[in-house]
């Protein structure tokens, strides 16, 4: 599995206690605009918060094959297991995907498809372990009208709702050419405080928030 990890420094902020971020990069090219924006947001985290990065384009993971109703056997490959473990060990999962056809990239969708397998693997506690954790999104798109990202926001929100996770929203930026997001001063400004935002429990539109949450 191709990853890089920012090692935790001694905690200097009480909000750093117990948090660990997994950044899942879903772009088809390395160092793209979405990754630039995600790293800008990560740089504003307290020093003591571990940051683990996974680049799905460089991860040799096959397309997800749904065998839930064919066999009770579930044999995960080495890379799949490493990715599953990185996911469940993080308190905060950040989906950093460019806006491709108004939703997440193919690499990102494949990663989320694997969640379906982890939910139903024999003896799996994946859903129980993910409940209460926080899902975030970061995306950069060619259009300046943020409303066009609503399908992606909805997909991530509903994913969090199904998993009984919290949802921190989606940080958006503008850019098409390599590095163009660096000119989006508004996005870079929002990145500085993005992970300080509220993270309410994600609920489907037909649900009511439980008392005491």
N, C-alpha and C. Protein backbone atom coordinates (compact mmCIF):
# COMPACT_ATOMS: atom_id res chain seq x y z
N UNK A 1 0.85 -1.19 0.00
CA UNK A 1 0.00 0.00 0.00
C UNK A 1 0.88 1.24 0.00
N UNK A 2 0.61 2.18 -0.88
CA UNK A 2 1.39 3.41 -0.98
C UNK A 2 0.77 4.47 -0.09
N UNK A 3 1.48 4.82 0.95
CA UNK A 3 0.98 5.82 1.88
C UNK A 3 2.12 6.70 2.33
N UNK A 4 1.78 7.81 2.94
CA UNK A 4 2.78 8.56 3.69
C UNK A 4 2.12 9.03 4.96
N UNK A 5 2.90 9.11 6.00
CA UNK A 5 2.36 9.42 7.31
C UNK A 5 3.10 10.61 7.90
N UNK A 6 2.33 11.56 8.42
CA UNK A 6 2.93 12.66 9.16
C UNK A 6 2.97 12.24 10.62
N UNK A 7 4.17 12.01 11.19
CA UNK A 7 4.23 11.53 12.57
C UNK A 7 3.73 12.57 13.54
N UNK A 8 3.08 12.14 14.61
CA UNK A 8 2.57 13.09 15.59
C UNK A 8 3.70 13.73 16.37
N UNK A 9 3.58 15.02 16.58
CA UNK A 9 4.49 15.74 17.46
C UNK A 9 3.89 15.76 18.85
N UNK A 10 4.64 16.15 19.88
CA UNK A 10 4.06 16.24 21.21
C UNK A 10 2.83 17.14 21.21
N UNK A 11 1.77 16.66 21.81
CA UNK A 11 0.51 17.41 21.79
C UNK A 11 0.66 18.75 22.49
N UNK A 12 0.22 19.80 21.80
CA UNK A 12 0.28 21.14 22.37
C UNK A 12 -1.10 21.77 22.46
N UNK A 13 -2.11 21.02 22.07
CA UNK A 13 -3.48 21.53 22.04
C UNK A 13 -4.39 20.46 22.61
N UNK A 14 -5.26 20.79 23.56
CA UNK A 14 -6.11 19.76 24.15
C UNK A 14 -7.04 19.11 23.15
N UNK A 15 -7.33 19.78 22.02
CA UNK A 15 -8.21 19.17 21.03
C UNK A 15 -7.51 18.07 20.26
N UNK A 16 -6.18 17.95 20.41
CA UNK A 16 -5.45 16.92 19.67
C UNK A 16 -5.63 15.54 20.29
N UNK A 17 -6.01 15.48 21.55
CA UNK A 17 -6.08 14.20 22.25
C UNK A 17 -7.02 13.23 21.57
N UNK A 18 -6.50 12.08 21.20
CA UNK A 18 -7.34 11.00 20.71
C UNK A 18 -7.75 11.07 19.26
N UNK A 19 -7.37 12.13 18.52
CA UNK A 19 -7.80 12.25 17.13
C UNK A 19 -6.71 11.75 16.19
N UNK A 20 -7.14 11.14 15.10
CA UNK A 20 -6.23 10.64 14.10
C UNK A 20 -6.91 10.75 12.75
N UNK A 21 -6.28 11.42 11.79
CA UNK A 21 -6.89 11.69 10.49
C UNK A 21 -6.34 10.77 9.41
N UNK A 22 -7.24 10.19 8.62
CA UNK A 22 -6.88 9.46 7.42
C UNK A 22 -7.33 10.28 6.22
N UNK A 23 -6.38 10.67 5.38
CA UNK A 23 -6.68 11.40 4.16
C UNK A 23 -6.63 10.43 2.99
N UNK A 24 -7.76 10.24 2.33
CA UNK A 24 -7.88 9.31 1.22
C UNK A 24 -7.90 10.12 -0.08
N UNK A 25 -6.80 10.07 -0.83
CA UNK A 25 -6.66 10.86 -2.05
C UNK A 25 -7.22 10.07 -3.23
N UNK A 26 -8.21 10.65 -3.91
CA UNK A 26 -8.88 9.93 -4.99
C UNK A 26 -8.65 10.49 -6.38
N UNK A 27 -7.65 11.37 -6.53
CA UNK A 27 -7.39 11.96 -7.84
C UNK A 27 -6.69 10.98 -8.76
N UNK A 28 -6.84 11.19 -10.07
CA UNK A 28 -6.17 10.35 -11.06
C UNK A 28 -4.74 10.83 -11.33
N UNK A 29 -4.34 11.96 -10.75
CA UNK A 29 -2.98 12.44 -10.94
C UNK A 29 -2.40 12.86 -9.60
N UNK A 30 -1.11 12.64 -9.40
CA UNK A 30 -0.49 12.99 -8.12
C UNK A 30 -0.33 14.50 -7.98
N UNK A 31 -0.43 14.97 -6.76
CA UNK A 31 -0.21 16.38 -6.48
C UNK A 31 -1.21 17.31 -7.12
N UNK A 32 -2.42 16.82 -7.33
CA UNK A 32 -3.45 17.62 -7.99
C UNK A 32 -4.03 18.70 -7.08
N UNK A 33 -4.96 19.45 -7.63
CA UNK A 33 -5.54 20.58 -6.89
C UNK A 33 -6.25 20.14 -5.62
N UNK A 34 -6.95 19.03 -5.67
CA UNK A 34 -7.66 18.56 -4.48
C UNK A 34 -6.67 18.18 -3.38
N UNK A 35 -5.59 17.52 -3.75
CA UNK A 35 -4.57 17.18 -2.75
C UNK A 35 -3.94 18.44 -2.16
N UNK A 36 -3.69 19.44 -2.99
CA UNK A 36 -3.12 20.70 -2.50
C UNK A 36 -4.03 21.32 -1.45
N UNK A 37 -5.34 21.35 -1.74
CA UNK A 37 -6.29 21.93 -0.80
C UNK A 37 -6.39 21.09 0.47
N UNK A 38 -6.39 19.76 0.32
CA UNK A 38 -6.46 18.88 1.49
C UNK A 38 -5.24 19.07 2.39
N UNK A 39 -4.07 19.20 1.79
CA UNK A 39 -2.85 19.39 2.60
C UNK A 39 -2.84 20.75 3.27
N UNK A 40 -3.44 21.74 2.63
CA UNK A 40 -3.56 23.06 3.27
C UNK A 40 -4.44 22.97 4.51
N UNK A 41 -5.53 22.21 4.41
CA UNK A 41 -6.41 22.02 5.57
C UNK A 41 -5.71 21.21 6.66
N UNK A 42 -4.96 20.19 6.26
CA UNK A 42 -4.25 19.35 7.23
C UNK A 42 -3.18 20.13 7.97
N UNK A 43 -2.56 21.09 7.29
CA UNK A 43 -1.51 21.88 7.91
C UNK A 43 -2.01 22.72 9.07
N UNK A 44 -3.33 22.98 9.08
CA UNK A 44 -3.91 23.79 10.15
C UNK A 44 -4.35 22.96 11.35
N UNK A 45 -4.20 21.65 11.29
CA UNK A 45 -4.54 20.81 12.44
C UNK A 45 -3.55 21.03 13.57
N UNK A 46 -3.96 20.80 14.81
CA UNK A 46 -3.01 20.90 15.92
C UNK A 46 -1.82 19.97 15.71
N UNK A 47 -0.69 20.35 16.23
CA UNK A 47 0.55 19.62 15.98
C UNK A 47 0.49 18.16 16.43
N UNK A 48 -0.26 17.87 17.46
CA UNK A 48 -0.26 16.52 17.99
C UNK A 48 -1.18 15.54 17.29
N UNK A 49 -1.87 15.98 16.24
CA UNK A 49 -2.82 15.11 15.56
C UNK A 49 -2.12 14.33 14.45
N UNK A 50 -2.11 12.99 14.52
CA UNK A 50 -1.50 12.19 13.45
C UNK A 50 -2.29 12.34 12.14
N UNK A 51 -1.56 12.39 11.03
CA UNK A 51 -2.16 12.48 9.70
C UNK A 51 -1.58 11.37 8.84
N UNK A 52 -2.44 10.50 8.32
CA UNK A 52 -2.04 9.36 7.51
C UNK A 52 -2.65 9.57 6.12
N UNK A 53 -1.83 9.43 5.07
CA UNK A 53 -2.27 9.71 3.71
C UNK A 53 -2.23 8.44 2.87
N UNK A 54 -3.29 8.20 2.10
CA UNK A 54 -3.35 7.08 1.17
C UNK A 54 -3.72 7.62 -0.21
N UNK A 55 -2.90 7.31 -1.21
CA UNK A 55 -3.16 7.72 -2.59
C UNK A 55 -3.75 6.52 -3.34
N UNK A 56 -5.05 6.56 -3.60
CA UNK A 56 -5.73 5.42 -4.20
C UNK A 56 -5.26 5.15 -5.63
N UNK A 57 -4.78 6.16 -6.34
CA UNK A 57 -4.31 5.95 -7.70
C UNK A 57 -3.03 5.12 -7.73
N UNK A 58 -2.31 5.12 -6.63
CA UNK A 58 -1.05 4.37 -6.55
C UNK A 58 -1.21 3.10 -5.71
N UNK A 59 -2.45 2.76 -5.42
CA UNK A 59 -2.73 1.59 -4.59
C UNK A 59 -3.21 0.44 -5.49
N UNK A 60 -2.44 -0.63 -5.59
CA UNK A 60 -2.83 -1.75 -6.44
C UNK A 60 -3.96 -2.57 -5.82
N UNK A 61 -5.17 -2.06 -5.94
CA UNK A 61 -6.34 -2.68 -5.36
C UNK A 61 -7.31 -3.01 -6.49
N UNK A 62 -7.74 -4.25 -6.64
CA UNK A 62 -8.63 -4.59 -7.75
C UNK A 62 -10.02 -4.01 -7.55
N UNK A 63 -10.79 -3.96 -8.64
CA UNK A 63 -12.18 -3.53 -8.53
C UNK A 63 -12.91 -4.44 -7.55
N UNK A 64 -13.83 -3.85 -6.81
CA UNK A 64 -14.57 -4.60 -5.81
C UNK A 64 -15.49 -5.61 -6.47
N UNK A 65 -15.43 -6.84 -6.00
CA UNK A 65 -16.32 -7.90 -6.46
C UNK A 65 -17.26 -8.27 -5.32
N UNK A 66 -18.54 -8.08 -5.54
CA UNK A 66 -19.53 -8.32 -4.49
C UNK A 66 -19.89 -9.80 -4.46
N UNK A 67 -19.38 -10.52 -3.46
CA UNK A 67 -19.67 -11.93 -3.32
C UNK A 67 -20.45 -12.25 -2.06
N UNK A 68 -21.17 -11.26 -1.55
CA UNK A 68 -21.85 -11.43 -0.26
C UNK A 68 -22.85 -12.59 -0.27
N UNK A 69 -23.49 -12.84 -1.38
CA UNK A 69 -24.55 -13.85 -1.43
C UNK A 69 -24.10 -15.12 -2.16
N UNK A 70 -22.81 -15.26 -2.36
CA UNK A 70 -22.30 -16.41 -3.08
C UNK A 70 -21.51 -17.36 -2.19
N UNK A 71 -20.87 -16.84 -1.16
CA UNK A 71 -20.01 -17.67 -0.32
C UNK A 71 -19.86 -17.02 1.03
N UNK A 72 -19.61 -17.87 2.04
CA UNK A 72 -19.33 -17.34 3.37
C UNK A 72 -17.86 -17.00 3.56
N UNK A 73 -17.06 -17.36 2.58
CA UNK A 73 -15.62 -17.11 2.69
C UNK A 73 -15.32 -15.66 2.31
N UNK A 74 -14.37 -15.08 3.01
CA UNK A 74 -13.95 -13.71 2.70
C UNK A 74 -12.45 -13.64 2.94
N UNK A 75 -11.70 -13.59 1.85
CA UNK A 75 -10.26 -13.53 1.94
C UNK A 75 -9.79 -12.17 1.42
N UNK A 76 -9.37 -11.33 2.31
CA UNK A 76 -8.91 -10.00 1.93
C UNK A 76 -7.45 -10.05 1.51
N UNK A 77 -7.11 -9.32 0.45
CA UNK A 77 -5.73 -9.20 0.04
C UNK A 77 -4.96 -8.31 1.01
N UNK A 78 -3.63 -8.32 0.87
CA UNK A 78 -2.79 -7.57 1.78
C UNK A 78 -3.09 -6.07 1.74
N UNK A 79 -3.22 -5.52 0.54
CA UNK A 79 -3.48 -4.09 0.42
C UNK A 79 -4.87 -3.73 0.92
N UNK A 80 -5.84 -4.60 0.63
CA UNK A 80 -7.19 -4.34 1.12
C UNK A 80 -7.23 -4.32 2.64
N UNK A 81 -6.57 -5.27 3.26
CA UNK A 81 -6.58 -5.33 4.72
C UNK A 81 -5.86 -4.13 5.32
N UNK A 82 -4.76 -3.71 4.69
CA UNK A 82 -4.05 -2.54 5.19
C UNK A 82 -4.92 -1.29 5.09
N UNK A 83 -5.69 -1.17 4.01
CA UNK A 83 -6.57 -0.03 3.83
C UNK A 83 -7.73 -0.08 4.82
N UNK A 84 -8.28 -1.27 5.04
CA UNK A 84 -9.37 -1.41 6.02
C UNK A 84 -8.87 -1.03 7.41
N UNK A 85 -7.69 -1.51 7.76
CA UNK A 85 -7.15 -1.22 9.08
C UNK A 85 -6.89 0.28 9.26
N UNK A 86 -6.35 0.93 8.22
CA UNK A 86 -6.12 2.38 8.29
C UNK A 86 -7.43 3.13 8.48
N UNK A 87 -8.50 2.61 7.87
CA UNK A 87 -9.81 3.26 7.96
C UNK A 87 -10.38 3.15 9.38
N UNK A 88 -10.36 1.97 9.95
CA UNK A 88 -10.98 1.79 11.26
C UNK A 88 -10.12 2.39 12.39
N UNK A 89 -8.86 2.61 12.13
CA UNK A 89 -8.00 3.15 13.18
C UNK A 89 -8.05 4.67 13.24
N UNK A 90 -8.66 5.31 12.25
CA UNK A 90 -8.75 6.77 12.23
C UNK A 90 -10.05 7.23 12.89
N UNK A 91 -9.99 8.34 13.61
CA UNK A 91 -11.21 8.93 14.14
C UNK A 91 -11.88 9.81 13.10
N UNK A 92 -11.10 10.32 12.15
CA UNK A 92 -11.60 11.23 11.12
C UNK A 92 -11.13 10.74 9.76
N UNK A 93 -12.06 10.49 8.85
CA UNK A 93 -11.73 10.05 7.50
C UNK A 93 -12.06 11.19 6.54
N UNK A 94 -11.06 11.61 5.77
CA UNK A 94 -11.21 12.72 4.84
C UNK A 94 -11.17 12.18 3.41
N UNK A 95 -12.27 12.29 2.71
CA UNK A 95 -12.34 11.87 1.31
C UNK A 95 -11.93 13.08 0.46
N UNK A 96 -10.75 13.01 -0.14
CA UNK A 96 -10.24 14.10 -0.97
C UNK A 96 -10.33 13.68 -2.43
N UNK A 97 -11.41 14.04 -3.08
CA UNK A 97 -11.66 13.62 -4.46
C UNK A 97 -12.02 14.82 -5.33
N UNK A 98 -11.39 14.94 -6.49
CA UNK A 98 -11.87 15.96 -7.43
C UNK A 98 -13.31 15.69 -7.81
N UNK A 99 -13.98 16.70 -8.28
CA UNK A 99 -15.36 16.53 -8.72
C UNK A 99 -15.35 16.02 -10.16
N UNK A 100 -15.59 14.71 -10.31
CA UNK A 100 -15.65 14.09 -11.64
C UNK A 100 -17.10 13.79 -11.97
N UNK A 101 -17.63 14.42 -13.01
CA UNK A 101 -19.02 14.24 -13.39
C UNK A 101 -19.95 14.41 -12.19
N UNK A 102 -19.62 15.43 -11.39
CA UNK A 102 -20.47 15.90 -10.30
C UNK A 102 -20.57 14.95 -9.12
N UNK A 103 -19.63 14.05 -9.03
CA UNK A 103 -19.57 13.19 -7.85
C UNK A 103 -18.11 12.79 -7.62
N UNK A 104 -17.88 11.77 -6.80
CA UNK A 104 -16.52 11.37 -6.48
C UNK A 104 -15.87 10.65 -7.66
N UNK A 105 -14.56 10.56 -7.64
CA UNK A 105 -13.81 9.89 -8.70
C UNK A 105 -14.02 8.38 -8.65
N UNK A 106 -13.61 7.70 -9.73
CA UNK A 106 -13.72 6.24 -9.79
C UNK A 106 -12.88 5.59 -8.70
N UNK A 107 -11.69 6.13 -8.45
CA UNK A 107 -10.84 5.58 -7.39
C UNK A 107 -11.54 5.65 -6.04
N UNK A 108 -12.17 6.80 -5.78
CA UNK A 108 -12.86 6.99 -4.51
C UNK A 108 -14.07 6.07 -4.40
N UNK A 109 -14.83 5.97 -5.47
CA UNK A 109 -16.01 5.10 -5.45
C UNK A 109 -15.60 3.66 -5.18
N UNK A 110 -14.50 3.22 -5.76
CA UNK A 110 -14.02 1.86 -5.53
C UNK A 110 -13.70 1.65 -4.06
N UNK A 111 -13.05 2.64 -3.44
CA UNK A 111 -12.73 2.56 -2.01
C UNK A 111 -14.01 2.42 -1.19
N UNK A 112 -15.01 3.22 -1.48
CA UNK A 112 -16.27 3.16 -0.74
C UNK A 112 -17.01 1.85 -1.03
N UNK A 113 -16.86 1.31 -2.24
CA UNK A 113 -17.46 0.01 -2.53
C UNK A 113 -16.88 -1.07 -1.61
N UNK A 114 -15.61 -0.96 -1.29
CA UNK A 114 -15.00 -1.93 -0.40
C UNK A 114 -15.61 -1.85 1.01
N UNK A 115 -16.12 -0.69 1.37
CA UNK A 115 -16.82 -0.61 2.65
C UNK A 115 -17.97 -1.61 2.69
N UNK A 116 -18.64 -1.82 1.55
CA UNK A 116 -19.75 -2.77 1.51
C UNK A 116 -19.27 -4.17 1.87
N UNK A 117 -18.10 -4.54 1.37
CA UNK A 117 -17.55 -5.85 1.72
C UNK A 117 -17.14 -5.94 3.17
N UNK A 118 -16.56 -4.87 3.69
CA UNK A 118 -16.14 -4.87 5.09
C UNK A 118 -17.33 -4.92 6.04
N UNK A 119 -18.46 -4.41 5.59
CA UNK A 119 -19.67 -4.46 6.41
C UNK A 119 -20.16 -5.88 6.63
N UNK A 120 -19.97 -6.72 5.63
CA UNK A 120 -20.60 -8.04 5.66
C UNK A 120 -19.59 -9.18 5.76
N UNK A 121 -18.32 -8.88 5.91
CA UNK A 121 -17.32 -9.94 6.07
C UNK A 121 -17.63 -10.71 7.36
N UNK A 122 -17.44 -12.03 7.36
CA UNK A 122 -17.72 -12.83 8.56
C UNK A 122 -17.00 -12.28 9.78
N UNK A 123 -17.76 -12.08 10.84
CA UNK A 123 -17.18 -11.57 12.08
C UNK A 123 -16.83 -10.10 12.06
N UNK A 124 -17.29 -9.39 11.03
CA UNK A 124 -16.93 -7.98 10.90
C UNK A 124 -17.64 -7.12 11.94
N UNK A 125 -16.89 -6.15 12.49
CA UNK A 125 -17.49 -5.15 13.37
C UNK A 125 -17.28 -3.77 12.75
N UNK A 126 -17.17 -3.74 11.42
CA UNK A 126 -16.82 -2.50 10.72
C UNK A 126 -17.81 -1.38 11.01
N UNK A 127 -19.10 -1.66 10.89
CA UNK A 127 -20.09 -0.60 11.09
C UNK A 127 -20.08 -0.11 12.54
N UNK A 128 -19.94 -1.02 13.47
CA UNK A 128 -19.91 -0.63 14.88
C UNK A 128 -18.69 0.23 15.19
N UNK A 129 -17.57 -0.10 14.57
CA UNK A 129 -16.35 0.67 14.82
C UNK A 129 -16.39 2.03 14.16
N UNK A 130 -17.08 2.15 13.05
CA UNK A 130 -17.13 3.43 12.35
C UNK A 130 -18.15 4.39 12.96
N UNK A 131 -19.13 3.86 13.65
CA UNK A 131 -20.16 4.71 14.25
C UNK A 131 -19.54 5.72 15.20
N UNK A 132 -19.95 6.97 15.06
CA UNK A 132 -19.45 8.03 15.93
C UNK A 132 -18.20 8.71 15.43
N UNK A 133 -17.53 8.11 14.43
CA UNK A 133 -16.37 8.77 13.84
C UNK A 133 -16.85 9.85 12.87
N UNK A 134 -15.95 10.60 12.28
CA UNK A 134 -16.35 11.73 11.46
C UNK A 134 -15.85 11.57 10.03
N UNK A 135 -16.74 11.82 9.09
CA UNK A 135 -16.41 11.80 7.66
C UNK A 135 -16.39 13.24 7.15
N UNK A 136 -15.33 13.56 6.40
CA UNK A 136 -15.16 14.88 5.81
C UNK A 136 -14.95 14.72 4.31
N UNK A 137 -15.10 15.81 3.56
CA UNK A 137 -14.81 15.79 2.13
C UNK A 137 -14.03 17.02 1.72
N UNK A 138 -13.17 16.85 0.73
CA UNK A 138 -12.46 17.96 0.11
C UNK A 138 -12.54 17.75 -1.39
N UNK A 139 -12.89 18.79 -2.13
CA UNK A 139 -12.96 18.66 -3.59
C UNK A 139 -12.61 19.98 -4.26
N UNK A 140 -12.00 19.89 -5.42
CA UNK A 140 -11.74 21.04 -6.27
C UNK A 140 -12.38 20.77 -7.62
N UNK A 141 -13.02 21.80 -8.17
CA UNK A 141 -13.77 21.64 -9.42
C UNK A 141 -13.51 22.81 -10.35
N UNK A 142 -13.81 22.61 -11.61
CA UNK A 142 -13.56 23.64 -12.62
C UNK A 142 -14.55 24.79 -12.50
N UNK A 143 -15.78 24.52 -12.11
CA UNK A 143 -16.79 25.56 -11.99
C UNK A 143 -16.68 26.27 -10.65
N UNK A 144 -17.06 27.53 -10.64
CA UNK A 144 -17.02 28.32 -9.40
C UNK A 144 -18.32 28.20 -8.60
N UNK A 145 -19.37 27.75 -9.24
CA UNK A 145 -20.66 27.62 -8.55
C UNK A 145 -20.64 26.35 -7.71
N UNK A 146 -20.54 26.51 -6.40
CA UNK A 146 -20.39 25.35 -5.51
C UNK A 146 -21.59 24.42 -5.54
N UNK A 147 -22.74 24.91 -5.97
CA UNK A 147 -23.94 24.09 -5.96
C UNK A 147 -23.79 22.86 -6.84
N UNK A 148 -22.91 22.89 -7.83
CA UNK A 148 -22.77 21.73 -8.71
C UNK A 148 -22.15 20.55 -7.98
N UNK A 149 -21.56 20.79 -6.82
CA UNK A 149 -20.98 19.71 -6.02
C UNK A 149 -22.00 19.05 -5.11
N UNK A 150 -23.25 19.50 -5.15
CA UNK A 150 -24.26 18.95 -4.24
C UNK A 150 -24.41 17.43 -4.34
N UNK A 151 -24.36 16.82 -5.54
CA UNK A 151 -24.46 15.35 -5.58
C UNK A 151 -23.35 14.66 -4.81
N UNK A 152 -22.14 15.19 -4.88
CA UNK A 152 -21.03 14.61 -4.13
C UNK A 152 -21.24 14.80 -2.63
N UNK A 153 -21.66 16.00 -2.24
CA UNK A 153 -21.92 16.27 -0.83
C UNK A 153 -22.99 15.32 -0.31
N UNK A 154 -24.05 15.13 -1.10
CA UNK A 154 -25.12 14.22 -0.69
C UNK A 154 -24.64 12.79 -0.55
N UNK A 155 -23.80 12.35 -1.48
CA UNK A 155 -23.30 10.97 -1.42
C UNK A 155 -22.48 10.75 -0.16
N UNK A 156 -21.61 11.69 0.17
CA UNK A 156 -20.78 11.53 1.37
C UNK A 156 -21.62 11.66 2.64
N UNK A 157 -22.56 12.61 2.64
CA UNK A 157 -23.43 12.76 3.81
C UNK A 157 -24.24 11.49 4.06
N UNK A 158 -24.82 10.94 3.01
CA UNK A 158 -25.66 9.75 3.18
C UNK A 158 -24.82 8.53 3.56
N UNK A 159 -23.59 8.47 3.07
CA UNK A 159 -22.68 7.41 3.50
C UNK A 159 -22.44 7.50 5.00
N UNK A 160 -22.19 8.72 5.48
CA UNK A 160 -22.00 8.92 6.91
C UNK A 160 -23.27 8.57 7.69
N UNK A 161 -24.43 8.93 7.14
CA UNK A 161 -25.69 8.63 7.82
C UNK A 161 -25.90 7.12 7.95
N UNK A 162 -25.61 6.39 6.90
CA UNK A 162 -25.79 4.94 6.95
C UNK A 162 -24.85 4.31 7.98
N UNK A 163 -23.64 4.85 8.08
CA UNK A 163 -22.65 4.29 9.00
C UNK A 163 -22.80 4.83 10.41
N UNK A 164 -23.76 5.73 10.62
CA UNK A 164 -23.96 6.39 11.92
C UNK A 164 -22.71 7.16 12.34
N UNK A 165 -22.14 7.83 11.34
CA UNK A 165 -20.98 8.68 11.56
C UNK A 165 -21.42 10.14 11.66
N UNK A 166 -20.50 10.97 12.06
CA UNK A 166 -20.69 12.41 12.01
C UNK A 166 -20.19 12.91 10.67
N UNK A 167 -20.68 14.09 10.26
CA UNK A 167 -20.31 14.63 8.95
C UNK A 167 -19.84 16.06 9.11
N UNK A 168 -18.60 16.31 8.67
CA UNK A 168 -18.03 17.65 8.81
C UNK A 168 -18.21 18.54 7.60
N UNK A 169 -18.86 18.02 6.56
CA UNK A 169 -19.08 18.83 5.36
C UNK A 169 -17.97 18.64 4.34
N UNK A 170 -18.05 19.43 3.27
CA UNK A 170 -17.10 19.33 2.17
C UNK A 170 -16.45 20.69 1.93
N UNK A 171 -15.14 20.72 1.95
CA UNK A 171 -14.37 21.91 1.62
C UNK A 171 -14.21 21.97 0.11
N UNK A 172 -14.66 23.05 -0.51
CA UNK A 172 -14.62 23.17 -1.97
C UNK A 172 -13.63 24.23 -2.41
N UNK A 173 -13.07 24.03 -3.59
CA UNK A 173 -12.17 25.01 -4.19
C UNK A 173 -12.33 25.00 -5.69
N UNK A 174 -11.75 26.00 -6.33
CA UNK A 174 -11.85 26.13 -7.77
C UNK A 174 -10.48 25.91 -8.42
N UNK A 175 -10.47 25.11 -9.49
CA UNK A 175 -9.22 24.90 -10.20
C UNK A 175 -9.37 23.80 -11.23
N UNK A 176 -8.65 23.93 -12.33
CA UNK A 176 -8.65 22.91 -13.38
C UNK A 176 -7.21 22.59 -13.78
N UNK A 177 -6.45 23.61 -14.15
CA UNK A 177 -5.05 23.40 -14.48
C UNK A 177 -4.26 23.04 -13.23
N UNK A 178 -3.17 22.29 -13.37
CA UNK A 178 -2.36 21.91 -12.19
C UNK A 178 -1.97 23.13 -11.35
N UNK A 179 -2.26 23.04 -10.05
CA UNK A 179 -1.89 24.08 -9.11
C UNK A 179 -2.79 25.30 -9.09
N UNK A 180 -3.83 25.32 -9.92
CA UNK A 180 -4.68 26.51 -10.03
C UNK A 180 -5.41 26.85 -8.74
N UNK A 181 -5.65 25.87 -7.89
CA UNK A 181 -6.38 26.13 -6.65
C UNK A 181 -5.60 27.08 -5.74
N UNK A 182 -4.31 27.19 -5.93
CA UNK A 182 -3.52 28.11 -5.11
C UNK A 182 -3.93 29.56 -5.31
N UNK A 183 -4.64 29.82 -6.42
CA UNK A 183 -5.14 31.17 -6.68
C UNK A 183 -6.51 31.42 -6.06
N UNK A 184 -7.11 30.38 -5.51
CA UNK A 184 -8.43 30.50 -4.88
C UNK A 184 -8.21 30.89 -3.42
N UNK A 185 -8.11 32.17 -3.18
CA UNK A 185 -7.82 32.65 -1.83
C UNK A 185 -8.92 32.29 -0.85
N UNK A 186 -10.15 32.29 -1.30
CA UNK A 186 -11.26 31.95 -0.42
C UNK A 186 -11.18 30.51 0.06
N UNK A 187 -10.84 29.60 -0.84
CA UNK A 187 -10.73 28.19 -0.47
C UNK A 187 -9.59 27.98 0.51
N UNK A 188 -8.45 28.62 0.26
CA UNK A 188 -7.30 28.46 1.15
C UNK A 188 -7.59 29.07 2.53
N UNK A 189 -8.39 30.12 2.55
CA UNK A 189 -8.78 30.72 3.83
C UNK A 189 -9.72 29.78 4.59
N UNK A 190 -10.68 29.18 3.89
CA UNK A 190 -11.59 28.24 4.53
C UNK A 190 -10.85 26.99 5.03
N UNK A 191 -9.79 26.63 4.32
CA UNK A 191 -9.03 25.44 4.71
C UNK A 191 -8.41 25.59 6.09
N UNK A 192 -8.07 26.81 6.47
CA UNK A 192 -7.40 27.04 7.76
C UNK A 192 -8.28 26.66 8.95
N UNK A 193 -9.58 26.75 8.77
CA UNK A 193 -10.49 26.48 9.89
C UNK A 193 -11.44 25.32 9.60
N UNK A 194 -11.27 24.67 8.48
CA UNK A 194 -12.24 23.65 8.06
C UNK A 194 -12.44 22.57 9.12
N UNK A 195 -11.36 22.06 9.66
CA UNK A 195 -11.47 20.96 10.62
C UNK A 195 -11.86 21.42 12.02
N UNK A 196 -12.13 22.70 12.17
CA UNK A 196 -12.67 23.20 13.43
C UNK A 196 -14.19 23.31 13.38
N UNK A 197 -14.76 23.01 12.23
CA UNK A 197 -16.20 23.14 12.05
C UNK A 197 -16.99 22.11 12.84
N UNK A 198 -18.28 22.34 12.93
CA UNK A 198 -19.16 21.43 13.65
C UNK A 198 -19.28 20.10 12.89
N UNK A 199 -19.45 19.05 13.65
CA UNK A 199 -19.57 17.72 13.05
C UNK A 199 -20.81 17.03 13.62
N UNK A 200 -21.99 17.45 13.18
CA UNK A 200 -23.22 16.82 13.69
C UNK A 200 -23.35 15.38 13.21
N UNK A 201 -24.12 14.62 13.96
CA UNK A 201 -24.45 13.27 13.53
C UNK A 201 -25.18 13.34 12.21
N UNK A 202 -24.72 12.57 11.22
CA UNK A 202 -25.37 12.57 9.90
C UNK A 202 -26.66 11.78 9.97
N UNK A 203 -27.71 12.35 9.44
CA UNK A 203 -29.03 11.71 9.43
C UNK A 203 -29.63 11.78 8.04
N UNK A 204 -30.34 10.74 7.65
CA UNK A 204 -31.08 10.79 6.41
C UNK A 204 -32.21 11.82 6.54
N UNK A 205 -32.69 12.37 5.41
CA UNK A 205 -33.74 13.38 5.49
C UNK A 205 -34.99 12.94 6.22
N UNK A 206 -35.26 11.64 6.25
CA UNK A 206 -36.48 11.14 6.90
C UNK A 206 -36.28 10.87 8.39
N UNK A 207 -35.09 11.08 8.91
CA UNK A 207 -34.80 10.78 10.29
C UNK A 207 -34.86 12.01 11.17
N UNK A 208 -35.08 11.77 12.45
CA UNK A 208 -35.01 12.83 13.45
C UNK A 208 -33.80 12.59 14.33
N UNK A 209 -33.18 13.68 14.77
CA UNK A 209 -31.99 13.57 15.59
C UNK A 209 -32.35 12.96 16.95
N UNK A 210 -31.62 11.93 17.39
CA UNK A 210 -31.91 11.32 18.69
C UNK A 210 -31.77 12.33 19.82
N UNK A 211 -32.58 12.17 20.83
CA UNK A 211 -32.51 13.07 21.99
C UNK A 211 -31.16 12.95 22.66
N UNK A 212 -30.63 14.11 23.04
CA UNK A 212 -29.37 14.12 23.78
C UNK A 212 -28.13 14.13 22.92
N UNK A 213 -28.30 14.16 21.57
CA UNK A 213 -27.13 14.17 20.68
C UNK A 213 -26.78 15.61 20.33
